[in-house]
C-alpha atoms as a PDB file:
ATOM      1  CA  MET A   1     -11.115 -25.576   6.953  1.00  0.00           C
ATOM      2  CA  SER A   2      -9.816 -23.335   4.179  1.00  0.00           C
ATOM      3  CA  SER A   3      -6.741 -24.511   2.302  1.00  0.00           C
ATOM      4  CA  PHE A   4      -5.875 -20.934   1.265  1.00  0.00           C
ATOM      5  CA  ARG A   5      -2.168 -20.212   1.490  1.00  0.00           C
ATOM      6  CA  ARG A   6      -0.980 -16.670   1.159  1.00  0.00           C
ATOM      7  CA  ARG A   7       1.679 -16.069  -1.469  1.00  0.00           C
ATOM      8  CA  VAL A   8       4.333 -14.085   0.380  1.00  0.00           C
ATOM      9  CA  LEU A   9       7.325 -12.349  -1.191  1.00  0.00           C
ATOM     10  CA  ILE A  10      10.279 -11.963   1.166  1.00  0.00           C
ATOM     11  CA  THR A  11      12.738  -9.393  -0.137  1.00  0.00           C
ATOM     12  CA  GLY A  12      16.297  -9.649   1.130  1.00  0.00           C
ATOM     13  CA  ALA A  13      15.850 -13.378   1.712  1.00  0.00           C
ATOM     14  CA  THR A  14      19.622 -13.926   1.850  1.00  0.00           C
ATOM     15  CA  GLY A  15      20.142 -11.448   4.693  1.00  0.00           C
ATOM     16  CA  GLY A  16      20.201 -12.306   8.376  1.00  0.00           C
ATOM     17  CA  VAL A  17      16.527 -11.742   9.153  1.00  0.00           C
ATOM     18  CA  GLY A  18      15.245 -12.565   5.675  1.00  0.00           C
ATOM     19  CA  SER A  19      17.000 -15.931   5.517  1.00  0.00           C
ATOM     20  CA  HIS A  20      15.662 -16.852   8.952  1.00  0.00           C
ATOM     21  CA  LEU A  21      12.106 -15.996   7.895  1.00  0.00           C
ATOM     22  CA  ALA A  22      12.516 -17.947   4.650  1.00  0.00           C
ATOM     23  CA  GLN A  23      13.040 -21.079   6.721  1.00  0.00           C
ATOM     24  CA  ALA A  24      10.666 -20.305   9.587  1.00  0.00           C
ATOM     25  CA  LEU A  25       7.638 -19.453   7.431  1.00  0.00           C
ATOM     26  CA  GLU A  26       7.974 -21.951   4.603  1.00  0.00           C
ATOM     27  CA  GLU A  27       5.453 -24.411   6.087  1.00  0.00           C
ATOM     28  CA  GLU A  28       2.730 -21.767   6.397  1.00  0.00           C
ATOM     29  CA  TYR A  29       3.031 -19.727   3.225  1.00  0.00           C
ATOM     30  CA  ASP A  30       3.735 -20.056  -0.456  1.00  0.00           C
ATOM     31  CA  LEU A  31       7.027 -18.182  -0.373  1.00  0.00           C
ATOM     32  CA  VAL A  32       8.702 -16.242  -3.163  1.00  0.00           C
ATOM     33  CA  LEU A  33      12.247 -15.265  -2.212  1.00  0.00           C
ATOM     34  CA  HIS A  34      14.167 -12.273  -3.512  1.00  0.00           C
ATOM     35  CA  GLY A  35      17.884 -11.648  -3.497  1.00  0.00           C
ATOM     36  CA  ARG A  36      20.669 -10.266  -5.648  1.00  0.00           C
ATOM     37  CA  HIS A  37      23.025 -13.227  -5.774  1.00  0.00           C
ATOM     38  CA  PRO A  38      21.561 -16.588  -6.886  1.00  0.00           C
ATOM     39  CA  GLU A  39      24.397 -18.556  -5.314  1.00  0.00           C
ATOM     40  CA  ASN A  40      23.179 -17.402  -1.870  1.00  0.00           C
ATOM     41  CA  ALA A  41      19.699 -18.920  -2.234  1.00  0.00           C
ATOM     42  CA  PRO A  42      18.458 -20.896   0.798  1.00  0.00           C
ATOM     43  CA  PRO A  43      18.606 -24.685   0.258  1.00  0.00           C
ATOM     44  CA  GLY A  44      15.806 -25.896  -1.982  1.00  0.00           C
ATOM     45  CA  HIS A  45      14.817 -22.431  -3.148  1.00  0.00           C
ATOM     46  CA  GLU A  46      15.389 -20.325  -6.226  1.00  0.00           C
ATOM     47  CA  LEU A  47      15.795 -16.593  -5.852  1.00  0.00           C
ATOM     48  CA  LYS A  48      13.998 -13.894  -7.785  1.00  0.00           C
ATOM     49  CA  ILE A  49      16.873 -11.613  -8.773  1.00  0.00           C
ATOM     50  CA  ALA A  50      16.226  -7.869  -8.678  1.00  0.00           C
ATOM     51  CA  ASP A  51      18.021  -4.633  -7.851  1.00  0.00           C
ATOM     52  CA  LEU A  52      15.737  -2.546  -5.655  1.00  0.00           C
ATOM     53  CA  ASP A  53      16.501   0.655  -7.542  1.00  0.00           C
ATOM     54  CA  ASP A  54      15.275  -0.870 -10.823  1.00  0.00           C
ATOM     55  CA  TYR A  55      11.490  -0.469 -10.856  1.00  0.00           C
ATOM     56  CA  ASP A  56      10.860  -2.950 -13.664  1.00  0.00           C
ATOM     57  CA  GLU A  57      12.881  -5.655 -11.918  1.00  0.00           C
ATOM     58  CA  VAL A  58      10.993  -5.094  -8.662  1.00  0.00           C
ATOM     59  CA  ALA A  59       7.610  -5.046 -10.415  1.00  0.00           C
ATOM     60  CA  ALA A  60       8.370  -8.369 -12.107  1.00  0.00           C
ATOM     61  CA  MET A  61       8.298 -10.086  -8.705  1.00  0.00           C
ATOM     62  CA  MET A  62       4.794  -8.971  -7.705  1.00  0.00           C
ATOM     63  CA  ASP A  63       2.581 -11.201  -9.819  1.00  0.00           C
ATOM     64  CA  GLY A  64       0.067 -13.036  -7.632  1.00  0.00           C
ATOM     65  CA  ILE A  65       1.630 -11.818  -4.369  1.00  0.00           C
ATOM     66  CA  ASP A  66      -0.666 -11.377  -1.350  1.00  0.00           C
ATOM     67  CA  THR A  67       1.885  -9.933   1.086  1.00  0.00           C
ATOM     68  CA  VAL A  68       5.372  -8.478   0.716  1.00  0.00           C
ATOM     69  CA  VAL A  69       7.666  -8.873   3.724  1.00  0.00           C
ATOM     70  CA  HIS A  70      10.217  -6.222   2.827  1.00  0.00           C
ATOM     71  CA  MET A  71      13.512  -7.007   4.550  1.00  0.00           C
ATOM     72  CA  ALA A  72      15.912  -5.928   1.799  1.00  0.00           C
ATOM     73  CA  GLY A  73      17.959  -2.755   2.018  1.00  0.00           C
ATOM     74  CA  ALA A  74      20.932  -1.142   3.695  1.00  0.00           C
ATOM     75  CA  ALA A  75      21.003  -2.519   7.235  1.00  0.00           C
ATOM     76  CA  SER A  76      23.836  -0.753   9.056  1.00  0.00           C
ATOM     77  CA  PRO A  77      23.427   2.447  11.108  1.00  0.00           C
ATOM     78  CA  GLU A  78      26.732   3.514   9.542  1.00  0.00           C
ATOM     79  CA  SER A  79      25.474   3.189   5.963  1.00  0.00           C
ATOM     80  CA  SER A  80      26.360   6.081   3.649  1.00  0.00           C
ATOM     81  CA  TRP A  81      23.836   8.490   2.146  1.00  0.00           C
ATOM     82  CA  GLU A  82      24.366   6.982  -1.301  1.00  0.00           C
ATOM     83  CA  LEU A  83      23.580   3.500   0.008  1.00  0.00           C
ATOM     84  CA  VAL A  84      20.440   4.399   1.967  1.00  0.00           C
ATOM     85  CA  LEU A  85      19.195   6.568  -0.913  1.00  0.00           C
ATOM     86  CA  GLU A  86      19.408   3.693  -3.394  1.00  0.00           C
ATOM     87  CA  ALA A  87      18.278   0.823  -1.173  1.00  0.00           C
ATOM     88  CA  ASN A  88      16.045   2.303   1.519  1.00  0.00           C
ATOM     89  CA  ILE A  89      14.428   5.258  -0.226  1.00  0.00           C
ATOM     90  CA  ILE A  90      14.287   4.633  -3.986  1.00  0.00           C
ATOM     91  CA  GLY A  91      14.101   0.882  -3.423  1.00  0.00           C
ATOM     92  CA  LEU A  92      11.252   1.147  -0.930  1.00  0.00           C
ATOM     93  CA  ARG A  93       9.283   3.429  -3.212  1.00  0.00           C
ATOM     94  CA  ASN A  94       9.676   0.872  -5.985  1.00  0.00           C
ATOM     95  CA  VAL A  95       8.400  -1.895  -3.715  1.00  0.00           C
ATOM     96  CA  LEU A  96       5.358   0.099  -2.577  1.00  0.00           C
ATOM     97  CA  GLU A  97       4.461   1.391  -6.029  1.00  0.00           C
ATOM     98  CA  SER A  98       4.847  -1.961  -7.758  1.00  0.00           C
ATOM     99  CA  ALA A  99       2.865  -3.643  -4.974  1.00  0.00           C
ATOM    100  CA  ARG A 100       0.079  -1.108  -5.442  1.00  0.00           C
ATOM    101  CA  GLN A 101       0.057  -1.562  -9.185  1.00  0.00           C
ATOM    102  CA  ALA A 102      -0.089  -5.348  -8.835  1.00  0.00           C
ATOM    103  CA  GLY A 103      -2.950  -5.325  -6.337  1.00  0.00           C
ATOM    104  CA  VAL A 104      -0.896  -6.668  -3.433  1.00  0.00           C
ATOM    105  CA  ARG A 105      -2.915  -6.681  -0.201  1.00  0.00           C
ATOM    106  CA  ARG A 106      -0.212  -5.806   2.330  1.00  0.00           C
ATOM    107  CA  VAL A 107       3.405  -4.745   2.732  1.00  0.00           C
ATOM    108  CA  VAL A 108       5.216  -5.496   5.997  1.00  0.00           C
ATOM    109  CA  LEU A 109       8.119  -3.064   6.275  1.00  0.00           C
ATOM    110  CA  ALA A 110      11.323  -3.626   8.184  1.00  0.00           C
ATOM    111  CA  SER A 111      11.710  -0.323   9.980  1.00  0.00           C
ATOM    112  CA  SER A 112      14.125   0.010  12.879  1.00  0.00           C
ATOM    113  CA  ASN A 113      14.648   1.203  16.428  1.00  0.00           C
ATOM    114  CA  HIS A 114      17.115   3.633  14.817  1.00  0.00           C
ATOM    115  CA  ALA A 115      14.185   5.709  13.537  1.00  0.00           C
ATOM    116  CA  MET A 116      13.888   6.819  17.181  1.00  0.00           C
ATOM    117  CA  GLY A 117      17.494   6.320  18.223  1.00  0.00           C
ATOM    118  CA  MET A 118      18.213   9.862  19.400  1.00  0.00           C
ATOM    119  CA  TYR A 119      15.829   9.247  22.292  1.00  0.00           C
ATOM    120  CA  ASP A 120      18.108   6.357  23.204  1.00  0.00           C
ATOM    121  CA  ARG A 121      21.313   8.357  22.823  1.00  0.00           C
ATOM    122  CA  HIS A 122      19.940  11.019  25.172  1.00  0.00           C
ATOM    123  CA  GLU A 123      18.321   8.456  27.493  1.00  0.00           C
ATOM    124  CA  GLU A 124      14.863   9.985  27.102  1.00  0.00           C
ATOM    125  CA  TRP A 125      12.782   6.924  27.960  1.00  0.00           C
ATOM    126  CA  PRO A 126      10.284   5.370  27.661  1.00  0.00           C
ATOM    127  CA  VAL A 127       9.787   5.693  23.897  1.00  0.00           C
ATOM    128  CA  TYR A 128       6.322   5.317  22.384  1.00  0.00           C
ATOM    129  CA  PRO A 129       5.545   4.455  18.761  1.00  0.00           C
ATOM    130  CA  HIS A 130       3.851   7.730  17.892  1.00  0.00           C
ATOM    131  CA  GLN A 131       6.371  10.188  19.346  1.00  0.00           C
ATOM    132  CA  ILE A 132       8.059  12.490  16.853  1.00  0.00           C
ATOM    133  CA  PRO A 133      10.690  10.417  14.970  1.00  0.00           C
ATOM    134  CA  ARG A 134      14.343  11.136  15.854  1.00  0.00           C
ATOM    135  CA  GLY A 135      16.744   9.206  13.668  1.00  0.00           C
ATOM    136  CA  ASP A 136      20.193   8.546  15.083  1.00  0.00           C
ATOM    137  CA  SER A 137      21.863   8.139  11.670  1.00  0.00           C
ATOM    138  CA  LEU A 138      21.194   8.514   7.957  1.00  0.00           C
ATOM    139  CA  TYR A 139      20.055   4.907   8.147  1.00  0.00           C
ATOM    140  CA  GLY A 140      17.536   5.866  10.839  1.00  0.00           C
ATOM    141  CA  VAL A 141      16.384   8.826   8.741  1.00  0.00           C
ATOM    142  CA  SER A 142      15.821   6.490   5.779  1.00  0.00           C
ATOM    143  CA  LYS A 143      13.587   4.333   7.982  1.00  0.00           C
ATOM    144  CA  ILE A 144      11.594   7.410   9.018  1.00  0.00           C
ATOM    145  CA  PHE A 145      11.108   8.149   5.323  1.00  0.00           C
ATOM    146  CA  GLY A 146       9.965   4.572   4.786  1.00  0.00           C
ATOM    147  CA  GLU A 147       7.363   4.826   7.534  1.00  0.00           C
ATOM    148  CA  ALA A 148       6.078   8.125   6.128  1.00  0.00           C
ATOM    149  CA  LEU A 149       5.948   6.767   2.578  1.00  0.00           C
ATOM    150  CA  GLY A 150       4.125   3.692   3.822  1.00  0.00           C
ATOM    151  CA  ARG A 151       1.572   5.886   5.581  1.00  0.00           C
ATOM    152  CA  PHE A 152       1.044   7.815   2.323  1.00  0.00           C
ATOM    153  CA  TYR A 153       0.495   4.620   0.332  1.00  0.00           C
ATOM    154  CA  HIS A 154      -2.033   3.485   2.914  1.00  0.00           C
ATOM    155  CA  ASP A 155      -3.858   6.810   3.098  1.00  0.00           C
ATOM    156  CA  GLU A 156      -3.766   7.573  -0.624  1.00  0.00           C
ATOM    157  CA  HIS A 157      -4.089   4.114  -2.152  1.00  0.00           C
ATOM    158  CA  GLY A 158      -5.497   1.854   0.555  1.00  0.00           C
ATOM    159  CA  LEU A 159      -2.467  -0.441   0.657  1.00  0.00           C
ATOM    160  CA  ASP A 160      -2.039  -2.196   4.013  1.00  0.00           C
ATOM    161  CA  VAL A 161       1.322  -1.186   5.493  1.00  0.00           C
ATOM    162  CA  ILE A 162       2.620  -2.602   8.773  1.00  0.00           C
ATOM    163  CA  ALA A 163       5.955  -1.075   9.813  1.00  0.00           C
ATOM    164  CA  LEU A 164       7.936  -3.077  12.353  1.00  0.00           C
ATOM    165  CA  ARG A 165      10.594  -1.212  14.306  1.00  0.00           C
ATOM    166  CA  ILE A 166      12.809  -4.234  14.631  1.00  0.00           C
ATOM    167  CA  GLY A 167      15.234  -4.495  17.520  1.00  0.00           C
ATOM    168  CA  TRP A 168      18.505  -6.427  17.575  1.00  0.00           C
ATOM    169  CA  VAL A 169      18.097  -9.889  16.041  1.00  0.00           C
ATOM    170  CA  THR A 170      20.792 -12.349  17.079  1.00  0.00           C
ATOM    171  CA  GLU A 171      21.022 -15.852  18.489  1.00  0.00           C
ATOM    172  CA  ASP A 172      23.154 -14.770  21.453  1.00  0.00           C
ATOM    173  CA  PRO A 173      22.379 -11.397  23.055  1.00  0.00           C
ATOM    174  CA  LEU A 174      24.870 -12.107  25.817  1.00  0.00           C
ATOM    175  CA  GLU A 175      27.704 -11.387  23.408  1.00  0.00           C
ATOM    176  CA  ALA A 176      26.825  -7.694  23.722  1.00  0.00           C
ATOM    177  CA  GLU A 177      28.424  -5.653  26.471  1.00  0.00           C
ATOM    178  CA  GLU A 178      25.954  -2.794  26.126  1.00  0.00           C
ATOM    179  CA  ASP A 179      22.766  -2.953  28.135  1.00  0.00           C
ATOM    180  CA  ILE A 180      20.795  -1.130  25.450  1.00  0.00           C
ATOM    181  CA  LEU A 181      21.536  -3.860  22.891  1.00  0.00           C
ATOM    182  CA  ARG A 182      20.342  -6.576  25.237  1.00  0.00           C
ATOM    183  CA  ALA A 183      17.274  -4.453  26.001  1.00  0.00           C
ATOM    184  CA  MET A 184      16.306  -4.318  22.318  1.00  0.00           C
ATOM    185  CA  TRP A 185      16.995  -8.001  21.620  1.00  0.00           C
ATOM    186  CA  LEU A 186      14.511  -9.720  19.322  1.00  0.00           C
ATOM    187  CA  SER A 187      15.014 -13.477  19.392  1.00  0.00           C
ATOM    188  CA  PRO A 188      14.746 -15.302  16.060  1.00  0.00           C
ATOM    189  CA  ALA A 189      11.656 -17.137  17.337  1.00  0.00           C
ATOM    190  CA  ASP A 190       9.981 -13.897  18.447  1.00  0.00           C
ATOM    191  CA  CYS A 191      10.958 -12.366  15.110  1.00  0.00           C
ATOM    192  CA  THR A 192       8.981 -15.121  13.404  1.00  0.00           C
ATOM    193  CA  ARG A 193       6.054 -14.544  15.763  1.00  0.00           C
ATOM    194  CA  VAL A 194       5.828 -10.802  15.157  1.00  0.00           C
ATOM    195  CA  VAL A 195       6.204 -11.075  11.378  1.00  0.00           C
ATOM    196  CA  ARG A 196       3.526 -13.762  11.281  1.00  0.00           C
ATOM    197  CA  ARG A 197       1.169 -11.452  13.189  1.00  0.00           C
ATOM    198  CA  ALA A 198       2.094  -8.548  10.891  1.00  0.00           C
ATOM    199  CA  ILE A 199       1.043 -10.682   7.924  1.00  0.00           C
ATOM    200  CA  GLU A 200      -2.210 -11.894   9.472  1.00  0.00           C
ATOM    201  CA  ALA A 201      -3.531  -9.155  11.801  1.00  0.00           C
ATOM    202  CA  GLU A 202      -6.645  -7.163  10.975  1.00  0.00           C
ATOM    203  CA  ALA A 203      -4.821  -3.851  11.536  1.00  0.00           C
ATOM    204  CA  ARG A 204      -4.230  -2.160   8.200  1.00  0.00           C
ATOM    205  CA  PHE A 205      -1.593   0.419   9.111  1.00  0.00           C
ATOM    206  CA  GLY A 206       0.652   1.047  12.065  1.00  0.00           C
ATOM    207  CA  LEU A 207       4.110   1.598  13.541  1.00  0.00           C
ATOM    208  CA  TYR A 208       5.041  -1.218  15.886  1.00  0.00           C
ATOM    209  CA  TYR A 209       8.073  -1.966  18.018  1.00  0.00           C
ATOM    210  CA  ALA A 210       9.251  -5.567  17.608  1.00  0.00           C
ATOM    211  CA  ILE A 211      11.341  -6.654  20.603  1.00  0.00           C
ATOM    212  CA  SER A 212      11.415  -9.709  22.844  1.00  0.00           C
ATOM    213  CA  ASP A 213      10.059  -9.815  26.398  1.00  0.00           C
ATOM    214  CA  ASN A 214      13.127  -8.174  27.916  1.00  0.00           C
ATOM    215  CA  PRO A 215      12.530  -6.674  31.371  1.00  0.00           C
ATOM    216  CA  ASN A 216      14.874  -3.750  30.670  1.00  0.00           C
ATOM    217  CA  ARG A 217      13.358  -2.680  27.341  1.00  0.00           C
ATOM    218  CA  ARG A 218      12.655   1.040  26.943  1.00  0.00           C
ATOM    219  CA  TRP A 219      10.211   0.918  24.033  1.00  0.00           C
ATOM    220  CA  SER A 220       6.468   0.482  24.288  1.00  0.00           C
ATOM    221  CA  MET A 221       4.974  -2.558  22.581  1.00  0.00           C
ATOM    222  CA  THR A 222       1.430  -2.065  23.862  1.00  0.00           C
ATOM    223  CA  ASN A 223       0.035  -1.428  20.376  1.00  0.00           C
ATOM    224  CA  THR A 224       2.067  -4.336  18.956  1.00  0.00           C
ATOM    225  CA  MET A 225       0.466  -6.662  21.473  1.00  0.00           C
ATOM    226  CA  LEU A 226      -3.043  -5.221  21.247  1.00  0.00           C
ATOM    227  CA  GLU A 227      -3.367  -4.472  17.538  1.00  0.00           C
ATOM    228  CA  LEU A 228      -1.222  -7.244  16.059  1.00  0.00           C
ATOM    229  CA  GLY A 229      -1.739  -9.858  18.772  1.00  0.00           C
ATOM    230  CA  TYR A 230       2.016 -10.338  19.224  1.00  0.00           C
ATOM    231  CA  ARG A 231       3.025 -12.306  22.302  1.00  0.00           C
ATOM    232  CA  PRO A 232       6.801 -12.335  22.848  1.00  0.00           C
ATOM    233  CA  GLN A 233       7.996 -15.561  24.439  1.00  0.00           C
ATOM    234  CA  ASP A 234      11.718 -14.972  24.920  1.00  0.00           C
ATOM    235  CA  SER A 235      13.833 -12.803  27.202  1.00  0.00           C
ATOM    236  CA  TRP A 236      17.595 -12.411  27.295  1.00  0.00           C
ATOM    237  CA  THR A 237      17.492 -12.688  31.102  1.00  0.00           C
ATOM    238  CA  ALA A 238      16.149 -16.268  30.797  1.00  0.00           C
ATOM    239  CA  LEU A 239      19.243 -17.484  28.950  1.00  0.00           C
ATOM    240  CA  PRO A 240      21.877 -19.601  30.752  1.00  0.00           C
ATOM    241  CA  GLY A 241      24.452 -17.357  32.381  1.00  0.00           C
ATOM    242  CA  ALA A 242      22.363 -14.195  32.046  1.00  0.00           C
ATOM    243  CA  GLN A 243      22.248 -11.769  34.921  1.00  0.00           C
ATOM    244  CA  GLU A 244      20.644  -8.343  34.859  1.00  0.00           C
ATOM    245  CA  GLN A 245      21.986  -5.483  36.910  1.00  0.00           C
ATOM    246  CA  VAL A 246      18.914  -3.343  37.477  1.00  0.00           C
ATOM    247  CA  VAL A 247      19.572   0.381  37.024  1.00  0.00           C
ATOM    248  CA  GLU A 248      16.688   2.689  37.812  1.00  0.00           C
ATOM    249  CA  GLY A 249      15.925   4.786  34.764  1.00  0.00           C
ATOM    250  CA  GLY A 250      18.050   2.549  32.545  1.00  0.00           C
ATOM    251  CA  GLU A 251      21.805   2.194  32.159  1.00  0.00           C
ATOM    252  CA  ASP A 252      23.686   5.049  30.505  1.00  0.00           C
ATOM    253  CA  VAL A 253      24.148   5.022  26.738  1.00  0.00           C
ATOM    254  CA  ARG A 254      27.411   6.202  25.227  1.00  0.00           C
ATOM    255  CA  ASP A 255      27.393   9.629  23.585  1.00  0.00           C
ATOM    256  CA  ASP A 256      28.181   8.339  20.087  1.00  0.00           C
ATOM    257  CA  TRP A 257      25.395   5.741  19.970  1.00  0.00           C
ATOM    258  CA  PRO A 258      24.864   3.841  17.643  1.00  0.00           C
ATOM    259  CA  ARG A 259      28.349   4.014  16.095  1.00  0.00           C
ATOM    260  CA  GLY A 260      30.104   0.680  16.248  1.00  0.00           C
ATOM    261  CA  SER A 261      27.023  -1.136  17.465  1.00  0.00           C
END
């Protein structure tokens, strides 16, 4: 058996999803972890410090990297234009360009359900990966830009780009009162599963919903399961105390979605 271990850079390794992946994937990969504040490094790890909008700082992290799992950036649907411009647009371009220059094989992008969130606001379900994007916020628009830029880097430069439209990652989806949040739950364990498949799958480009096996989900994961080999194992309805009230067509979504979510 081969002893090859991919060298994987996780950007945003001090954030919610990034810090989880830093722990969950450390046995399988040679991890390099990025952050902005060294005091927040996961136990036993040292952070590569870089501001995403500084190209030279980003490029300095790419030496010998096989795969970038890009989780850094503005993460709130209520992020300002200035914040998404710096972190999600300029920062993403710096990651893709420096990865290309360094000969990185693949970039796994954290996209978001909010790239398609207007379908959710207007309850126009089901949603498929290749429908016309409809961001529900400037944050969602920045994720649409990221997907388009990733497609360009794949088409123009041959860089593998796997964009995951990540749902709602939390330990306890039952804390949410809104059905749509429970519907888009991605358990931490399923998050690990889908990112692992995004790193390893033969597919070289694609837009993929990343959600757990929730019976009320509105977003198609057929291509995620076929092309990446993702097999979600968790469902919010299987948790102790969970009870689904089935509503044909899906429960209503408030008119100001996703504000306050």
